[in-house]
Amino acid sequence: MKSGTYQHYKGGLYEVIGTARHSETLEELVVYQALYADEIYGDQALWVRPKTMFLETVIVNGTDVQRFALIETSQEKS
């Protein structure tokens, strides 16, 4: 899992911080932070999602697209 900025297929930008494991199931989770403020969840809220779900494709208007697309790696920002 590359750290960096990802764009959700609905448009939001997120920074992937890294991965973690669920303490009971050991499922690998992606830890990521919103790069925007939200009325409900606040400024730059932290989120986790199963890695398999983070990396999967979804169907939008009959086309498979990545749920989250990498747009810039952390190394590119340096």
N, C-alpha and C. Protein backbone atom coordinates (compact mmCIF):
# COMPACT_ATOMS: atom_id res chain seq x y z
N MET A 1 0.85 -1.18 0.00
CA MET A 1 0.00 0.00 0.00
C MET A 1 0.88 1.23 0.00
N LYS A 2 0.77 2.04 -1.03
CA LYS A 2 1.58 3.25 -1.12
C LYS A 2 0.94 4.39 -0.33
N SER A 3 1.76 5.08 0.47
CA SER A 3 1.28 6.28 1.14
C SER A 3 1.23 7.39 0.11
N GLY A 4 0.25 8.26 0.24
CA GLY A 4 0.13 9.37 -0.68
C GLY A 4 -1.30 9.88 -0.74
N THR A 5 -1.56 10.70 -1.74
CA THR A 5 -2.88 11.30 -1.92
C THR A 5 -3.68 10.46 -2.90
N TYR A 6 -4.89 10.12 -2.50
CA TYR A 6 -5.81 9.34 -3.32
C TYR A 6 -7.08 10.14 -3.54
N GLN A 7 -7.70 9.92 -4.70
CA GLN A 7 -8.99 10.54 -4.96
C GLN A 7 -10.06 9.47 -4.98
N HIS A 8 -11.10 9.68 -4.19
CA HIS A 8 -12.25 8.78 -4.16
C HIS A 8 -13.02 8.97 -5.46
N TYR A 9 -13.67 7.94 -5.92
CA TYR A 9 -14.38 8.03 -7.20
C TYR A 9 -15.49 9.08 -7.18
N LYS A 10 -15.92 9.51 -6.00
CA LYS A 10 -16.93 10.58 -5.91
C LYS A 10 -16.28 11.95 -5.83
N GLY A 11 -14.92 12.00 -5.80
CA GLY A 11 -14.23 13.28 -5.90
C GLY A 11 -13.38 13.71 -4.73
N GLY A 12 -13.66 13.23 -3.52
CA GLY A 12 -12.92 13.66 -2.33
C GLY A 12 -11.46 13.23 -2.37
N LEU A 13 -10.60 14.06 -1.77
CA LEU A 13 -9.18 13.74 -1.67
C LEU A 13 -8.85 13.25 -0.26
N TYR A 14 -7.98 12.25 -0.20
CA TYR A 14 -7.60 11.62 1.06
C TYR A 14 -6.11 11.33 1.07
N GLU A 15 -5.51 11.42 2.24
CA GLU A 15 -4.10 11.09 2.42
C GLU A 15 -4.01 9.75 3.13
N VAL A 16 -3.40 8.76 2.47
CA VAL A 16 -3.21 7.46 3.11
C VAL A 16 -2.02 7.58 4.05
N ILE A 17 -2.26 7.29 5.31
CA ILE A 17 -1.23 7.37 6.35
C ILE A 17 -0.47 6.06 6.44
N GLY A 18 -1.18 4.95 6.29
CA GLY A 18 -0.54 3.65 6.37
C GLY A 18 -1.58 2.56 6.52
N THR A 19 -1.13 1.40 6.99
CA THR A 19 -2.04 0.29 7.21
C THR A 19 -1.95 -0.15 8.67
N ALA A 20 -2.99 -0.82 9.11
CA ALA A 20 -3.07 -1.35 10.47
C ALA A 20 -3.76 -2.70 10.40
N ARG A 21 -3.74 -3.41 11.51
CA ARG A 21 -4.43 -4.71 11.59
C ARG A 21 -5.55 -4.62 12.63
N HIS A 22 -6.67 -5.23 12.30
CA HIS A 22 -7.76 -5.34 13.26
C HIS A 22 -7.28 -6.24 14.39
N SER A 23 -7.51 -5.83 15.63
CA SER A 23 -6.95 -6.57 16.78
C SER A 23 -7.55 -7.96 16.97
N GLU A 24 -8.74 -8.19 16.49
CA GLU A 24 -9.38 -9.49 16.68
C GLU A 24 -9.25 -10.39 15.44
N THR A 25 -9.46 -9.82 14.26
CA THR A 25 -9.49 -10.63 13.05
C THR A 25 -8.18 -10.61 12.27
N LEU A 26 -7.30 -9.67 12.61
CA LEU A 26 -6.03 -9.44 11.91
C LEU A 26 -6.22 -8.97 10.47
N GLU A 27 -7.45 -8.58 10.11
CA GLU A 27 -7.70 -8.03 8.78
C GLU A 27 -6.88 -6.76 8.59
N GLU A 28 -6.29 -6.60 7.41
CA GLU A 28 -5.49 -5.42 7.12
C GLU A 28 -6.43 -4.25 6.75
N LEU A 29 -6.19 -3.12 7.40
CA LEU A 29 -7.01 -1.93 7.21
C LEU A 29 -6.14 -0.79 6.71
N VAL A 30 -6.73 0.08 5.89
CA VAL A 30 -6.04 1.28 5.43
C VAL A 30 -6.48 2.43 6.34
N VAL A 31 -5.50 3.18 6.84
CA VAL A 31 -5.76 4.36 7.67
C VAL A 31 -5.56 5.57 6.77
N TYR A 32 -6.59 6.40 6.65
CA TYR A 32 -6.50 7.54 5.76
C TYR A 32 -7.23 8.75 6.33
N GLN A 33 -6.83 9.93 5.85
CA GLN A 33 -7.35 11.18 6.39
C GLN A 33 -7.95 12.02 5.27
N ALA A 34 -9.14 12.54 5.53
CA ALA A 34 -9.78 13.44 4.57
C ALA A 34 -8.96 14.72 4.45
N LEU A 35 -8.84 15.23 3.26
CA LEU A 35 -8.11 16.48 3.05
C LEU A 35 -9.08 17.64 2.85
N TYR A 36 -10.16 17.59 3.61
CA TYR A 36 -11.19 18.63 3.55
C TYR A 36 -11.93 18.66 4.88
N ALA A 37 -12.69 19.71 5.09
CA ALA A 37 -13.53 19.83 6.28
C ALA A 37 -14.92 19.30 5.95
N ASP A 38 -15.55 18.67 6.92
CA ASP A 38 -16.89 18.12 6.76
C ASP A 38 -17.76 18.62 7.91
N GLU A 39 -18.98 19.00 7.61
CA GLU A 39 -19.89 19.52 8.64
C GLU A 39 -20.11 18.53 9.77
N ILE A 40 -20.23 17.27 9.44
CA ILE A 40 -20.55 16.25 10.43
C ILE A 40 -19.30 15.70 11.11
N TYR A 41 -18.28 15.37 10.33
CA TYR A 41 -17.12 14.65 10.87
C TYR A 41 -15.93 15.54 11.18
N GLY A 42 -16.00 16.82 10.86
CA GLY A 42 -14.94 17.75 11.22
C GLY A 42 -13.86 17.91 10.16
N ASP A 43 -12.86 18.68 10.53
CA ASP A 43 -11.76 19.01 9.64
C ASP A 43 -10.76 17.87 9.59
N GLN A 44 -10.52 17.35 8.40
CA GLN A 44 -9.53 16.30 8.16
C GLN A 44 -9.75 15.07 9.04
N ALA A 45 -10.96 14.53 9.00
CA ALA A 45 -11.32 13.35 9.78
C ALA A 45 -10.47 12.14 9.38
N LEU A 46 -10.19 11.29 10.36
CA LEU A 46 -9.48 10.03 10.12
C LEU A 46 -10.48 8.91 9.86
N TRP A 47 -10.11 8.02 8.93
CA TRP A 47 -10.97 6.90 8.57
C TRP A 47 -10.14 5.63 8.46
N VAL A 48 -10.80 4.49 8.58
CA VAL A 48 -10.19 3.19 8.28
C VAL A 48 -11.15 2.41 7.40
N ARG A 49 -10.59 1.59 6.55
CA ARG A 49 -11.40 0.77 5.64
C ARG A 49 -10.60 -0.49 5.35
N PRO A 50 -11.25 -1.64 5.22
CA PRO A 50 -10.50 -2.84 4.84
C PRO A 50 -9.71 -2.58 3.55
N LYS A 51 -8.47 -3.05 3.54
CA LYS A 51 -7.59 -2.82 2.39
C LYS A 51 -8.21 -3.37 1.11
N THR A 52 -8.84 -4.53 1.20
CA THR A 52 -9.45 -5.12 0.00
C THR A 52 -10.53 -4.20 -0.57
N MET A 53 -11.30 -3.57 0.29
CA MET A 53 -12.35 -2.65 -0.14
C MET A 53 -11.74 -1.36 -0.69
N PHE A 54 -10.70 -0.86 -0.03
CA PHE A 54 -10.04 0.37 -0.47
C PHE A 54 -9.52 0.22 -1.90
N LEU A 55 -8.95 -0.95 -2.20
CA LEU A 55 -8.31 -1.18 -3.50
C LEU A 55 -9.26 -1.72 -4.58
N GLU A 56 -10.49 -2.03 -4.24
CA GLU A 56 -11.39 -2.62 -5.22
C GLU A 56 -11.91 -1.60 -6.24
N THR A 57 -12.51 -2.13 -7.29
CA THR A 57 -13.17 -1.28 -8.27
C THR A 57 -14.66 -1.27 -8.00
N VAL A 58 -15.29 -0.20 -8.43
CA VAL A 58 -16.75 -0.06 -8.32
C VAL A 58 -17.27 0.28 -9.71
N ILE A 59 -18.54 0.01 -9.94
CA ILE A 59 -19.14 0.30 -11.24
C ILE A 59 -19.83 1.66 -11.17
N VAL A 60 -19.41 2.57 -12.06
CA VAL A 60 -19.99 3.91 -12.16
C VAL A 60 -20.44 4.11 -13.59
N ASN A 61 -21.73 4.29 -13.77
CA ASN A 61 -22.29 4.48 -15.12
C ASN A 61 -21.85 3.36 -16.07
N GLY A 62 -21.86 2.12 -15.56
CA GLY A 62 -21.54 0.97 -16.37
C GLY A 62 -20.05 0.71 -16.59
N THR A 63 -19.18 1.51 -15.95
CA THR A 63 -17.74 1.37 -16.13
C THR A 63 -17.08 1.05 -14.79
N ASP A 64 -16.13 0.10 -14.81
CA ASP A 64 -15.34 -0.20 -13.61
C ASP A 64 -14.33 0.92 -13.38
N VAL A 65 -14.34 1.50 -12.19
CA VAL A 65 -13.35 2.51 -11.80
C VAL A 65 -12.81 2.15 -10.42
N GLN A 66 -11.62 2.60 -10.12
CA GLN A 66 -11.05 2.36 -8.80
C GLN A 66 -11.83 3.16 -7.76
N ARG A 67 -12.09 2.53 -6.62
CA ARG A 67 -12.76 3.25 -5.53
C ARG A 67 -11.89 4.44 -5.10
N PHE A 68 -10.59 4.19 -4.93
CA PHE A 68 -9.61 5.23 -4.61
C PHE A 68 -8.48 5.13 -5.62
N ALA A 69 -8.17 6.23 -6.30
CA ALA A 69 -7.09 6.24 -7.28
C ALA A 69 -5.92 7.06 -6.74
N LEU A 70 -4.74 6.49 -6.77
CA LEU A 70 -3.54 7.19 -6.32
C LEU A 70 -3.24 8.33 -7.30
N ILE A 71 -3.11 9.55 -6.77
CA ILE A 71 -2.79 10.68 -7.65
C ILE A 71 -1.42 11.27 -7.37
N GLU A 72 -0.88 11.01 -6.18
CA GLU A 72 0.48 11.48 -5.86
C GLU A 72 1.01 10.69 -4.67
N THR A 73 2.21 10.10 -4.83
CA THR A 73 2.80 9.36 -3.72
C THR A 73 3.48 10.33 -2.76
N SER A 74 3.71 9.87 -1.55
CA SER A 74 4.39 10.68 -0.55
C SER A 74 5.79 11.04 -1.01
N GLN A 75 6.46 10.14 -1.76
CA GLN A 75 7.81 10.40 -2.27
C GLN A 75 7.80 11.53 -3.30
N GLU A 76 6.74 11.61 -4.11
CA GLU A 76 6.64 12.67 -5.11
C GLU A 76 6.47 14.04 -4.47
N LYS A 77 5.88 14.07 -3.28
CA LYS A 77 5.67 15.33 -2.57
C LYS A 77 6.96 15.89 -1.99
N SER A 78 7.91 15.00 -1.70
CA SER A 78 9.17 15.41 -1.05
C SER A 78 10.03 16.25 -1.95
